[in-house]
C-alpha atoms as a PDB file:
ATOM      1  CA  MET A   1      14.884  19.585 -25.646  1.00  0.00           C
ATOM      2  CA  PHE A   2      12.156  19.301 -28.537  1.00  0.00           C
ATOM      3  CA  GLU A   3       9.566  21.672 -29.162  1.00  0.00           C
ATOM      4  CA  GLY A   4       6.090  22.158 -27.890  1.00  0.00           C
ATOM      5  CA  PRO A   5       3.686  19.221 -27.074  1.00  0.00           C
ATOM      6  CA  VAL A   6       6.645  16.434 -27.631  1.00  0.00           C
ATOM      7  CA  GLN A   7       8.797  18.175 -24.848  1.00  0.00           C
ATOM      8  CA  ASP A   8       5.632  18.665 -22.841  1.00  0.00           C
ATOM      9  CA  LEU A   9       4.965  14.978 -22.850  1.00  0.00           C
ATOM     10  CA  ILE A  10       8.790  14.130 -22.085  1.00  0.00           C
ATOM     11  CA  ASP A  11       8.344  16.499 -18.951  1.00  0.00           C
ATOM     12  CA  GLU A  12       5.192  15.016 -17.741  1.00  0.00           C
ATOM     13  CA  LEU A  13       6.353  11.187 -17.938  1.00  0.00           C
ATOM     14  CA  GLY A  14       9.553  11.947 -16.590  1.00  0.00           C
ATOM     15  CA  ARG A  15       7.479  12.798 -13.374  1.00  0.00           C
ATOM     16  CA  LEU A  16       6.531   9.544 -13.150  1.00  0.00           C
ATOM     17  CA  PRO A  17       8.259   7.708 -10.375  1.00  0.00           C
ATOM     18  CA  GLY A  18      11.258   5.147 -11.972  1.00  0.00           C
ATOM     19  CA  ILE A  19      10.773   6.749 -15.326  1.00  0.00           C
ATOM     20  CA  GLY A  20      14.109   8.827 -16.104  1.00  0.00           C
ATOM     21  CA  PRO A  21      14.596  11.296 -19.053  1.00  0.00           C
ATOM     22  CA  LYS A  22      15.876   8.469 -21.356  1.00  0.00           C
ATOM     23  CA  SER A  23      12.928   6.301 -20.892  1.00  0.00           C
ATOM     24  CA  ALA A  24      10.411   9.305 -20.993  1.00  0.00           C
ATOM     25  CA  GLN A  25      11.533  10.258 -24.464  1.00  0.00           C
ATOM     26  CA  ARG A  26      11.435   6.386 -25.482  1.00  0.00           C
ATOM     27  CA  ILE A  27       7.798   6.228 -24.271  1.00  0.00           C
ATOM     28  CA  ALA A  28       7.114   9.727 -25.807  1.00  0.00           C
ATOM     29  CA  PHE A  29       8.171   8.713 -29.357  1.00  0.00           C
ATOM     30  CA  HIS A  30       6.523   5.448 -29.179  1.00  0.00           C
ATOM     31  CA  LEU A  31       3.172   7.225 -28.112  1.00  0.00           C
ATOM     32  CA  LEU A  32       4.243   9.661 -31.110  1.00  0.00           C
ATOM     33  CA  ALA A  33       4.119   6.791 -33.268  1.00  0.00           C
ATOM     34  CA  ALA A  34       1.169   4.935 -32.340  1.00  0.00           C
ATOM     35  CA  ASP A  35      -2.320   4.321 -33.588  1.00  0.00           C
ATOM     36  CA  ARG A  36      -5.033   7.020 -32.572  1.00  0.00           C
ATOM     37  CA  ALA A  37      -7.169   4.030 -31.370  1.00  0.00           C
ATOM     38  CA  ASP A  38      -4.115   2.916 -28.951  1.00  0.00           C
ATOM     39  CA  ILE A  39      -3.998   6.605 -27.757  1.00  0.00           C
ATOM     40  CA  GLN A  40      -7.596   6.783 -27.056  1.00  0.00           C
ATOM     41  CA  ARG A  41      -7.404   3.263 -24.854  1.00  0.00           C
ATOM     42  CA  LEU A  42      -4.699   5.025 -23.029  1.00  0.00           C
ATOM     43  CA  GLN A  43      -6.634   7.980 -22.345  1.00  0.00           C
ATOM     44  CA  ASP A  44     -10.015   6.109 -21.200  1.00  0.00           C
ATOM     45  CA  ALA A  45      -7.795   4.063 -18.865  1.00  0.00           C
ATOM     46  CA  LEU A  46      -6.346   7.227 -17.267  1.00  0.00           C
ATOM     47  CA  GLN A  47      -9.435   8.471 -17.104  1.00  0.00           C
ATOM     48  CA  LYS A  48     -11.199   5.459 -15.471  1.00  0.00           C
ATOM     49  CA  ILE A  49      -8.442   5.623 -12.854  1.00  0.00           C
ATOM     50  CA  LYS A  50      -9.801   9.075 -11.775  1.00  0.00           C
ATOM     51  CA  ASP A  51     -13.595   8.289 -12.147  1.00  0.00           C
ATOM     52  CA  GLY A  52     -14.192   4.636 -11.423  1.00  0.00           C
ATOM     53  CA  VAL A  53     -11.388   4.025  -8.912  1.00  0.00           C
ATOM     54  CA  ARG A  54     -12.068   4.377  -5.135  1.00  0.00           C
ATOM     55  CA  PHE A  55     -11.001   3.625  -1.668  1.00  0.00           C
ATOM     56  CA  CYS A  56     -11.902   0.886   0.089  1.00  0.00           C
ATOM     57  CA  GLU A  57     -14.068   2.306   3.135  1.00  0.00           C
ATOM     58  CA  VAL A  58     -12.576   0.081   5.851  1.00  0.00           C
ATOM     59  CA  CYS A  59      -8.853  -0.529   4.721  1.00  0.00           C
ATOM     60  CA  GLY A  60      -8.126   1.959   2.477  1.00  0.00           C
ATOM     61  CA  THR A  61      -7.044  -0.052  -0.795  1.00  0.00           C
ATOM     62  CA  VAL A  62      -8.086   1.035  -4.004  1.00  0.00           C
ATOM     63  CA  SER A  63     -11.498  -0.697  -5.039  1.00  0.00           C
ATOM     64  CA  GLU A  64     -14.524  -0.631  -7.359  1.00  0.00           C
ATOM     65  CA  LYS A  65     -16.792  -0.650  -4.736  1.00  0.00           C
ATOM     66  CA  GLU A  66     -17.296   0.834  -1.190  1.00  0.00           C
ATOM     67  CA  ARG A  67     -15.425  -2.258   0.019  1.00  0.00           C
ATOM     68  CA  CYS A  68     -12.675  -4.000  -1.404  1.00  0.00           C
ATOM     69  CA  ARG A  69     -12.818  -8.065  -2.586  1.00  0.00           C
ATOM     70  CA  VAL A  70     -10.730  -8.812   0.730  1.00  0.00           C
ATOM     71  CA  CYS A  71     -12.679  -6.975   3.386  1.00  0.00           C
ATOM     72  CA  ALA A  72     -16.183  -8.024   1.454  1.00  0.00           C
ATOM     73  CA  ASP A  73     -14.646 -11.832   1.779  1.00  0.00           C
ATOM     74  CA  PRO A  74     -16.697 -13.544   4.730  1.00  0.00           C
ATOM     75  CA  ARG A  75     -13.674 -16.385   4.420  1.00  0.00           C
ATOM     76  CA  ARG A  76     -10.754 -13.925   5.553  1.00  0.00           C
ATOM     77  CA  ASP A  77     -10.215 -13.948   8.984  1.00  0.00           C
ATOM     78  CA  PRO A  78     -11.449 -10.605  10.811  1.00  0.00           C
ATOM     79  CA  THR A  79      -9.017 -11.673  13.730  1.00  0.00           C
ATOM     80  CA  VAL A  80      -5.959 -10.665  12.163  1.00  0.00           C
ATOM     81  CA  LEU A  81      -4.847  -7.251  10.501  1.00  0.00           C
ATOM     82  CA  CYS A  82      -1.713  -6.757   8.319  1.00  0.00           C
ATOM     83  CA  VAL A  83      -0.816  -3.093   8.125  1.00  0.00           C
ATOM     84  CA  VAL A  84       1.007  -1.780   5.128  1.00  0.00           C
ATOM     85  CA  GLU A  85       1.927   1.376   3.764  1.00  0.00           C
ATOM     86  CA  GLU A  86       0.393   1.657   0.121  1.00  0.00           C
ATOM     87  CA  PRO A  87      -2.202  -0.215  -1.806  1.00  0.00           C
ATOM     88  CA  LYS A  88       0.393  -2.112  -4.050  1.00  0.00           C
ATOM     89  CA  ASP A  89       1.902  -3.718  -0.585  1.00  0.00           C
ATOM     90  CA  VAL A  90      -1.541  -5.310  -0.510  1.00  0.00           C
ATOM     91  CA  LEU A  91      -1.077  -7.036  -3.561  1.00  0.00           C
ATOM     92  CA  ALA A  92       2.735  -8.125  -2.755  1.00  0.00           C
ATOM     93  CA  VAL A  93       1.376  -9.876   0.545  1.00  0.00           C
ATOM     94  CA  GLU A  94      -1.366 -11.447  -1.281  1.00  0.00           C
ATOM     95  CA  ARG A  95       0.771 -13.092  -4.072  1.00  0.00           C
ATOM     96  CA  THR A  96       2.237 -14.982  -1.042  1.00  0.00           C
ATOM     97  CA  GLY A  97      -0.729 -17.287  -0.564  1.00  0.00           C
ATOM     98  CA  GLU A  98       0.525 -17.016   3.289  1.00  0.00           C
ATOM     99  CA  PHE A  99      -1.645 -14.420   4.928  1.00  0.00           C
ATOM    100  CA  ASN A 100      -5.670 -14.974   5.141  1.00  0.00           C
ATOM    101  CA  GLY A 101      -6.539 -11.976   6.911  1.00  0.00           C
ATOM    102  CA  ARG A 102      -7.105  -8.468   6.381  1.00  0.00           C
ATOM    103  CA  TYR A 103      -5.551  -5.328   5.701  1.00  0.00           C
ATOM    104  CA  HIS A 104      -4.907  -1.754   6.494  1.00  0.00           C
ATOM    105  CA  VAL A 105      -3.381   0.589   4.272  1.00  0.00           C
ATOM    106  CA  LEU A 106      -1.829   3.682   5.962  1.00  0.00           C
ATOM    107  CA  GLY A 107      -1.510   5.861   2.756  1.00  0.00           C
ATOM    108  CA  GLY A 108       2.324   6.382   3.538  1.00  0.00           C
ATOM    109  CA  ALA A 109       4.842   5.939   6.047  1.00  0.00           C
ATOM    110  CA  LEU A 110       5.926   8.917   8.393  1.00  0.00           C
ATOM    111  CA  ASP A 111       8.737  10.956   7.083  1.00  0.00           C
ATOM    112  CA  PRO A 112       9.011  14.390   9.008  1.00  0.00           C
ATOM    113  CA  LEU A 113      11.700  15.969   6.229  1.00  0.00           C
ATOM    114  CA  ALA A 114       8.979  15.657   3.745  1.00  0.00           C
ATOM    115  CA  GLY A 115       6.121  16.882   5.795  1.00  0.00           C
ATOM    116  CA  VAL A 116       4.152  13.338   6.651  1.00  0.00           C
ATOM    117  CA  GLY A 117       3.377  13.481  10.048  1.00  0.00           C
ATOM    118  CA  PRO A 118       0.801  10.806  11.922  1.00  0.00           C
ATOM    119  CA  ASP A 119      -2.126  13.044  10.930  1.00  0.00           C
ATOM    120  CA  ALA A 120      -1.261  12.742   7.036  1.00  0.00           C
ATOM    121  CA  LEU A 121      -1.842   8.750   7.427  1.00  0.00           C
ATOM    122  CA  ARG A 122      -4.661   6.534   8.084  1.00  0.00           C
ATOM    123  CA  ILE A 123      -3.740   6.105  11.660  1.00  0.00           C
ATOM    124  CA  ARG A 124      -6.904   6.931  13.393  1.00  0.00           C
ATOM    125  CA  GLU A 125      -9.144   4.878  10.987  1.00  0.00           C
ATOM    126  CA  LEU A 126      -6.648   2.161  12.317  1.00  0.00           C
ATOM    127  CA  LEU A 127      -7.328   2.797  16.127  1.00  0.00           C
ATOM    128  CA  ALA A 128     -11.101   3.189  15.766  1.00  0.00           C
ATOM    129  CA  ARG A 129     -10.895  -0.636  13.629  1.00  0.00           C
ATOM    130  CA  LEU A 130      -9.094  -2.075  16.908  1.00  0.00           C
ATOM    131  CA  GLY A 131     -11.521   0.005  19.008  1.00  0.00           C
ATOM    132  CA  GLY A 132     -14.731  -1.465  17.281  1.00  0.00           C
ATOM    133  CA  THR A 133     -16.046   1.774  15.941  1.00  0.00           C
ATOM    134  CA  GLY A 134     -14.694   1.166  12.325  1.00  0.00           C
ATOM    135  CA  PRO A 135     -17.067   0.959   9.538  1.00  0.00           C
ATOM    136  CA  ALA A 136     -16.718  -3.169   9.804  1.00  0.00           C
ATOM    137  CA  SER A 137     -19.153  -4.317  11.834  1.00  0.00           C
ATOM    138  CA  ASP A 138     -17.734  -7.844  11.705  1.00  0.00           C
ATOM    139  CA  GLU A 139     -14.118  -6.525  12.929  1.00  0.00           C
ATOM    140  CA  THR A 140     -14.764  -7.259  16.950  1.00  0.00           C
ATOM    141  CA  GLY A 141     -12.230  -9.413  17.742  1.00  0.00           C
ATOM    142  CA  ILE A 142      -8.848  -8.193  16.297  1.00  0.00           C
ATOM    143  CA  THR A 143      -6.483  -9.923  18.098  1.00  0.00           C
ATOM    144  CA  GLU A 144      -3.069  -9.524  16.005  1.00  0.00           C
ATOM    145  CA  VAL A 145      -1.570  -6.679  14.183  1.00  0.00           C
ATOM    146  CA  ILE A 146       1.242  -7.774  11.622  1.00  0.00           C
ATOM    147  CA  ILE A 147       3.041  -4.553  10.920  1.00  0.00           C
ATOM    148  CA  ALA A 148       4.145  -4.764   7.316  1.00  0.00           C
ATOM    149  CA  THR A 149       5.705  -1.411   6.897  1.00  0.00           C
ATOM    150  CA  ASP A 150       8.913  -1.256   4.269  1.00  0.00           C
ATOM    151  CA  PRO A 151      12.092  -2.072   5.693  1.00  0.00           C
ATOM    152  CA  ASN A 152      13.826   1.152   5.405  1.00  0.00           C
ATOM    153  CA  THR A 153      14.097   4.507   7.514  1.00  0.00           C
ATOM    154  CA  GLU A 154      10.616   5.881   7.366  1.00  0.00           C
ATOM    155  CA  GLY A 155       9.003   2.246   7.574  1.00  0.00           C
ATOM    156  CA  GLU A 156      11.029   1.360  10.816  1.00  0.00           C
ATOM    157  CA  ALA A 157      10.253   4.967  12.356  1.00  0.00           C
ATOM    158  CA  THR A 158       6.156   4.235  11.331  1.00  0.00           C
ATOM    159  CA  ALA A 159       6.618   0.800  12.788  1.00  0.00           C
ATOM    160  CA  SER A 160       8.105   1.976  16.166  1.00  0.00           C
ATOM    161  CA  TYR A 161       5.368   4.821  16.493  1.00  0.00           C
ATOM    162  CA  LEU A 162       2.472   2.246  15.833  1.00  0.00           C
ATOM    163  CA  VAL A 163       3.763   0.140  18.043  1.00  0.00           C
ATOM    164  CA  ARG A 164       3.750   2.700  21.039  1.00  0.00           C
ATOM    165  CA  LEU A 165       0.211   3.404  20.114  1.00  0.00           C
ATOM    166  CA  LEU A 166      -1.263  -0.535  19.926  1.00  0.00           C
ATOM    167  CA  ARG A 167       0.197  -1.131  23.448  1.00  0.00           C
ATOM    168  CA  GLU A 168      -2.821   0.708  24.917  1.00  0.00           C
ATOM    169  CA  PHE A 169      -5.015  -2.234  23.522  1.00  0.00           C
ATOM    170  CA  PRO A 170      -4.833  -5.006  26.194  1.00  0.00           C
ATOM    171  CA  GLY A 171      -4.615  -8.646  25.161  1.00  0.00           C
ATOM    172  CA  LEU A 172      -3.591  -7.357  21.381  1.00  0.00           C
ATOM    173  CA  THR A 173      -0.299  -9.142  19.984  1.00  0.00           C
ATOM    174  CA  ILE A 174       1.899  -6.669  17.840  1.00  0.00           C
ATOM    175  CA  THR A 175       4.242  -8.732  15.074  1.00  0.00           C
ATOM    176  CA  ARG A 176       6.550  -7.359  12.705  1.00  0.00           C
ATOM    177  CA  LEU A 177       7.743  -9.007   9.353  1.00  0.00           C
ATOM    178  CA  ALA A 178      10.497 -11.634  10.074  1.00  0.00           C
ATOM    179  CA  SER A 179      13.902 -11.380   8.264  1.00  0.00           C
ATOM    180  CA  GLY A 180      14.319 -12.256   4.729  1.00  0.00           C
ATOM    181  CA  LEU A 181      13.423  -8.625   3.586  1.00  0.00           C
ATOM    182  CA  PRO A 182      16.646  -6.614   2.666  1.00  0.00           C
ATOM    183  CA  MET A 183      17.002  -3.494   4.682  1.00  0.00           C
ATOM    184  CA  GLY A 184      16.418  -0.268   2.584  1.00  0.00           C
ATOM    185  CA  GLY A 185      14.292  -2.251   0.369  1.00  0.00           C
ATOM    186  CA  ASP A 186      10.444  -1.920  -0.594  1.00  0.00           C
ATOM    187  CA  LEU A 187       7.748  -4.843  -0.167  1.00  0.00           C
ATOM    188  CA  GLU A 188       6.768  -4.011  -3.803  1.00  0.00           C
ATOM    189  CA  PHE A 189       9.985  -5.580  -5.417  1.00  0.00           C
ATOM    190  CA  ALA A 190      10.243  -8.647  -3.103  1.00  0.00           C
ATOM    191  CA  ASP A 191       9.825 -11.916  -4.453  1.00  0.00           C
ATOM    192  CA  GLU A 192       7.119 -14.207  -3.426  1.00  0.00           C
ATOM    193  CA  LEU A 193       9.234 -16.701  -1.515  1.00  0.00           C
ATOM    194  CA  THR A 194      11.408 -13.885   0.671  1.00  0.00           C
ATOM    195  CA  LEU A 195       7.942 -12.370   1.561  1.00  0.00           C
ATOM    196  CA  GLY A 196       6.224 -15.568   2.596  1.00  0.00           C
ATOM    197  CA  ARG A 197       8.782 -16.489   4.460  1.00  0.00           C
ATOM    198  CA  ALA A 198       8.988 -13.233   6.525  1.00  0.00           C
ATOM    199  CA  LEU A 199       5.320 -13.783   6.959  1.00  0.00           C
ATOM    200  CA  SER A 200       5.762 -17.179   8.161  1.00  0.00           C
ATOM    201  CA  GLY A 201       8.337 -15.994  10.801  1.00  0.00           C
ATOM    202  CA  ARG A 202       6.903 -13.003  12.024  1.00  0.00           C
ATOM    203  CA  ARG A 203       8.390 -11.969  15.547  1.00  0.00           C
ATOM    204  CA  ALA A 204       6.367 -10.203  18.462  1.00  0.00           C
ATOM    205  CA  LEU A 205       7.381  -6.465  19.107  1.00  0.00           C
ATOM    206  CA  ASP A 206       8.196  -6.125  23.299  1.00  0.00           C
END
């Protein structure tokens, strides 16, 4: 244990995902030895995240404007919607170069043990888009929804729940990412080839 602000910084860094106690300590002492200008740039970047980043009014991913670049791009196919858990998953799918539709970010996955139910996710907004009452006026003919939740317990539960809801929309094709993604993994850590094959070989859900 260190004293004062150093230990406070180590504790706060240790709260970040993927940062263990040793990593938090290394980062803290790196920052302690850094130039004041470097620290100021980091502070500015952190402040801009809270002040200058918003969420797209249509799909829910992070954006600098009311609509993200994907939702604002008229070249994207508005009839195909890829449903993901987090904004980072949008980037993962985009890296494959296999998808030219649009996205819907749920903001997480169903996890009853953690208190995350359907009302905590952007499911109402998804149903509104499919019903033609969402903020995007050009999304009047969505014909396919690709469920691209993570292939783990929470992601599979979320996919099953969505399938039950989406079956109520006549003529809508519901697909799920195909094999190629390991069970228990996250989209964020899948390589482009694996994720690309999963998108190309997606299957319909009965």
